[in-house]
């Protein structure tokens, strides 16, 4: 996945870094974008929060 694709899903670099390091949880908008773009079931993403 490219930086541009991650930016589209997670937003700014600092937010992306926080999500990937576990310091910030996924929000509903992020979950929806991940579900749309990567076809990951929303239930899996919600359980991870």
C-alpha atoms as a PDB file:
ATOM      1  CA  UNK A   1       0.000   0.000   0.000  1.00  0.00           C
ATOM      2  CA  UNK A   2       1.391   3.383  -0.946  1.00  0.00           C
ATOM      3  CA  UNK A   3       1.740   6.430   1.289  1.00  0.00           C
ATOM      4  CA  UNK A   4      -0.950   8.159  -0.773  1.00  0.00           C
ATOM      5  CA  UNK A   5      -3.396   5.307  -0.193  1.00  0.00           C
ATOM      6  CA  UNK A   6      -2.710   5.331   3.551  1.00  0.00           C
ATOM      7  CA  UNK A   7      -3.160   9.101   3.613  1.00  0.00           C
ATOM      8  CA  UNK A   8      -6.531   8.711   1.906  1.00  0.00           C
ATOM      9  CA  UNK A   9      -7.680   6.251   4.577  1.00  0.00           C
ATOM     10  CA  UNK A  10      -6.014   7.467   7.773  1.00  0.00           C
ATOM     11  CA  UNK A  11      -5.296  11.120   7.101  1.00  0.00           C
ATOM     12  CA  UNK A  12      -2.204  13.083   7.988  1.00  0.00           C
ATOM     13  CA  UNK A  13       1.160  11.457   8.659  1.00  0.00           C
ATOM     14  CA  UNK A  14       0.980  12.005  12.410  1.00  0.00           C
ATOM     15  CA  UNK A  15      -2.438  10.335  12.621  1.00  0.00           C
ATOM     16  CA  UNK A  16      -1.270   7.464  10.448  1.00  0.00           C
ATOM     17  CA  UNK A  17       1.746   6.962  12.684  1.00  0.00           C
ATOM     18  CA  UNK A  18      -0.405   7.002  15.826  1.00  0.00           C
ATOM     19  CA  UNK A  19      -2.852   4.438  14.401  1.00  0.00           C
ATOM     20  CA  UNK A  20      -0.115   2.106  13.185  1.00  0.00           C
ATOM     21  CA  UNK A  21       1.729   2.288  16.513  1.00  0.00           C
ATOM     22  CA  UNK A  22      -1.439   1.637  18.522  1.00  0.00           C
ATOM     23  CA  UNK A  23      -1.551   5.069  20.176  1.00  0.00           C
ATOM     24  CA  UNK A  24      -4.790   6.014  18.391  1.00  0.00           C
ATOM     25  CA  UNK A  25      -7.787   3.821  17.652  1.00  0.00           C
ATOM     26  CA  UNK A  26      -9.570   3.669  14.337  1.00  0.00           C
ATOM     27  CA  UNK A  27     -12.567   5.957  14.099  1.00  0.00           C
ATOM     28  CA  UNK A  28     -15.768   5.183  12.216  1.00  0.00           C
ATOM     29  CA  UNK A  29     -14.700   7.096   9.093  1.00  0.00           C
ATOM     30  CA  UNK A  30     -11.406   5.183   8.954  1.00  0.00           C
ATOM     31  CA  UNK A  31     -13.206   1.867   9.402  1.00  0.00           C
ATOM     32  CA  UNK A  32     -15.570   2.703   6.553  1.00  0.00           C
ATOM     33  CA  UNK A  33     -12.705   3.644   4.226  1.00  0.00           C
ATOM     34  CA  UNK A  34     -10.728   0.501   5.073  1.00  0.00           C
ATOM     35  CA  UNK A  35     -13.837  -1.620   4.483  1.00  0.00           C
ATOM     36  CA  UNK A  36     -14.450   0.051   1.109  1.00  0.00           C
ATOM     37  CA  UNK A  37     -10.907   0.034  -0.210  1.00  0.00           C
ATOM     38  CA  UNK A  38      -9.496  -3.176   1.253  1.00  0.00           C
ATOM     39  CA  UNK A  39     -12.695  -5.233   1.548  1.00  0.00           C
ATOM     40  CA  UNK A  40     -11.986  -5.985   5.220  1.00  0.00           C
ATOM     41  CA  UNK A  41     -15.206  -6.773   7.115  1.00  0.00           C
ATOM     42  CA  UNK A  42     -16.202  -3.904   9.410  1.00  0.00           C
ATOM     43  CA  UNK A  43     -16.774  -6.359  12.265  1.00  0.00           C
ATOM     44  CA  UNK A  44     -13.106  -7.328  12.248  1.00  0.00           C
ATOM     45  CA  UNK A  45     -12.036  -3.689  12.396  1.00  0.00           C
ATOM     46  CA  UNK A  46     -14.493  -2.832  15.156  1.00  0.00           C
ATOM     47  CA  UNK A  47     -13.278  -5.739  17.298  1.00  0.00           C
ATOM     48  CA  UNK A  48      -9.711  -4.465  16.884  1.00  0.00           C
ATOM     49  CA  UNK A  49     -10.698  -1.097  18.375  1.00  0.00           C
END
